[in-house]
Amino acid sequence: MTAIRKKLEFTVSETIDLNEKTIEYFKKSNFKHIDSNPTDRKIRFERGSIASNMWTFNSLNWKSEIDIEINGQEVKANFNINAAGQIPTNKDEMLWETFIDNYQKYLRDSNFDFLTENTKTLKTTKK
């Protein structure tokens, strides 16, 4: 099985509701909010399926699981992308890197237009 794994750790200096902003980012990006557990401070998202991997040209639609832990103003995120049926290219990697970077930018600046930025990168990936 081909997989892409990414980790991200950062601190946000602004006092905002990181749970709310995290859920907003991923839901607006068409990820399914699977679970939120206030006890262990974890939020989980999923998208895609092994079957959809076979026909999609958008690597953000590949089967993926994202686990995020928020502790105060600290964020830890694990991105597990299943690329079964695909041969990930540098452009696919770049799309995921941008998507992950834009998540961090959005939490640091809630006026950041992540949807536009993610769409621009997706268009570049498809060329």
Protein backbone atom coordinates (compact mmCIF):
# COMPACT_ATOMS: atom_id res chain seq x y z
CA MET A 1 0.00 0.00 0.00
CA THR A 2 1.30 3.40 -0.97
CA ALA A 3 0.84 6.01 1.73
CA ILE A 4 1.72 9.61 2.39
CA ARG A 5 2.21 10.55 6.01
CA LYS A 6 2.62 14.08 7.28
CA LYS A 7 2.98 15.49 10.78
CA LEU A 8 2.50 19.05 11.91
CA GLU A 9 3.08 20.71 15.27
CA PHE A 10 2.70 24.41 15.96
CA THR A 11 1.53 26.97 18.50
CA VAL A 12 -1.05 29.68 17.86
CA SER A 13 -0.48 32.94 19.72
CA GLU A 14 -4.00 34.33 19.17
CA THR A 15 -6.63 33.34 21.70
CA ILE A 16 -9.27 31.73 19.49
CA ASP A 17 -11.38 28.60 19.62
CA LEU A 18 -8.98 26.23 17.85
CA ASN A 19 -11.49 23.36 17.91
CA GLU A 20 -14.11 25.46 16.12
CA LYS A 21 -11.63 26.81 13.55
CA THR A 22 -10.21 23.33 12.92
CA ILE A 23 -13.65 21.85 12.32
CA GLU A 24 -14.55 24.77 10.05
CA TYR A 25 -11.36 24.36 7.96
CA PHE A 26 -11.84 20.66 7.32
CA LYS A 27 -15.62 20.74 6.84
CA LYS A 28 -15.34 23.58 4.30
CA SER A 29 -12.70 21.46 2.56
CA ASN A 30 -15.25 18.59 2.31
CA PHE A 31 -13.77 16.34 4.96
CA LYS A 32 -16.12 14.35 7.17
CA HIS A 33 -15.91 15.19 10.87
CA ILE A 34 -15.79 11.75 12.48
CA ASP A 35 -15.16 12.39 16.13
CA SER A 36 -14.40 15.03 18.73
CA ASN A 37 -13.41 13.95 22.19
CA PRO A 38 -13.01 16.80 24.68
CA THR A 39 -11.50 14.42 27.23
CA ASP A 40 -8.42 13.61 25.17
CA ARG A 41 -8.60 16.84 23.11
CA LYS A 42 -8.68 14.97 19.78
CA ILE A 43 -10.57 15.72 16.60
CA ARG A 44 -10.77 13.28 13.69
CA PHE A 45 -11.61 13.73 10.01
CA GLU A 46 -11.86 11.39 7.03
CA ARG A 47 -12.31 11.70 3.31
CA GLY A 48 -12.46 9.42 0.30
CA SER A 49 -12.32 5.65 0.01
CA ILE A 50 -10.09 3.00 -1.51
CA ALA A 51 -12.61 2.65 -4.36
CA SER A 52 -12.65 6.40 -5.09
CA ASN A 53 -8.83 6.39 -5.19
CA MET A 54 -9.06 4.46 -8.46
CA TRP A 55 -10.83 7.20 -10.41
CA THR A 56 -10.10 10.58 -8.84
CA PHE A 57 -7.47 13.00 -10.14
CA ASN A 58 -7.60 15.16 -7.00
CA SER A 59 -5.26 13.74 -4.36
CA LEU A 60 -7.26 15.56 -1.65
CA ASN A 61 -10.08 13.11 -2.49
CA TRP A 62 -7.93 10.05 -1.78
CA LYS A 63 -8.77 8.00 1.29
CA SER A 64 -7.35 9.97 4.18
CA GLU A 65 -7.54 10.11 7.95
CA ILE A 66 -6.55 13.19 9.90
CA ASP A 67 -6.08 13.13 13.65
CA ILE A 68 -5.66 16.44 15.44
CA GLU A 69 -4.88 17.04 19.09
CA ILE A 70 -5.37 20.50 20.56
CA ASN A 71 -3.94 21.32 23.96
CA GLY A 72 -4.39 24.97 24.89
CA GLN A 73 -2.84 26.87 21.98
CA GLU A 74 -0.75 23.92 20.77
CA VAL A 75 -1.81 21.88 17.75
CA LYS A 76 -0.51 18.46 16.72
CA ALA A 77 -1.83 16.91 13.53
CA ASN A 78 -1.20 13.58 11.82
CA PHE A 79 -2.21 13.20 8.18
CA ASN A 80 -2.44 9.64 6.83
CA ILE A 81 -3.21 9.54 3.12
CA ASN A 82 -3.82 6.16 1.51
CA ALA A 83 -2.67 6.35 -2.12
CA ALA A 84 -3.71 2.81 -3.08
CA GLY A 85 -4.25 2.64 -6.83
CA GLN A 86 -2.23 5.81 -7.38
CA ILE A 87 1.38 6.72 -7.96
CA PRO A 88 1.79 9.97 -6.00
CA THR A 89 3.64 12.65 -7.94
CA ASN A 90 5.55 15.66 -6.67
CA LYS A 91 2.46 17.73 -7.52
CA ASP A 92 0.29 15.50 -5.32
CA GLU A 93 2.76 15.93 -2.47
CA MET A 94 2.79 19.70 -3.08
CA LEU A 95 -1.02 19.83 -2.95
CA TRP A 96 -1.06 18.10 0.44
CA GLU A 97 1.79 20.28 1.73
CA THR A 98 -0.12 23.41 0.71
CA PHE A 99 -3.35 22.11 2.22
CA ILE A 100 -1.56 21.41 5.52
CA ASP A 101 0.28 24.76 5.47
CA ASN A 102 -2.99 26.57 4.77
CA TYR A 103 -4.59 24.91 7.80
CA GLN A 104 -1.84 26.37 9.96
CA LYS A 105 -2.12 29.80 8.27
CA TYR A 106 -5.90 29.82 8.82
CA LEU A 107 -5.56 29.13 12.54
CA ARG A 108 -3.04 31.95 12.81
CA ASP A 109 -5.10 34.38 10.69
CA SER A 110 -8.85 33.72 10.49
CA ASN A 111 -9.11 36.19 7.56
CA PHE A 112 -6.84 33.96 5.44
CA ASP A 113 -8.79 32.73 2.38
CA PHE A 114 -7.76 29.09 2.44
CA LEU A 115 -10.45 27.96 -0.01
CA THR A 116 -9.07 30.18 -2.77
CA GLU A 117 -5.48 29.19 -2.03
CA ASN A 118 -6.29 25.47 -1.97
CA THR A 119 -8.23 25.79 -5.24
CA LYS A 120 -5.30 27.58 -6.93
CA THR A 121 -2.92 24.82 -5.89
CA LEU A 122 -5.35 22.13 -7.04
CA LYS A 123 -5.55 23.75 -10.50
CA THR A 124 -1.74 23.81 -10.69
CA THR A 125 -1.61 20.15 -9.70
CA LYS A 126 -3.94 19.14 -12.54
CA LYS A 127 -1.81 20.81 -15.25
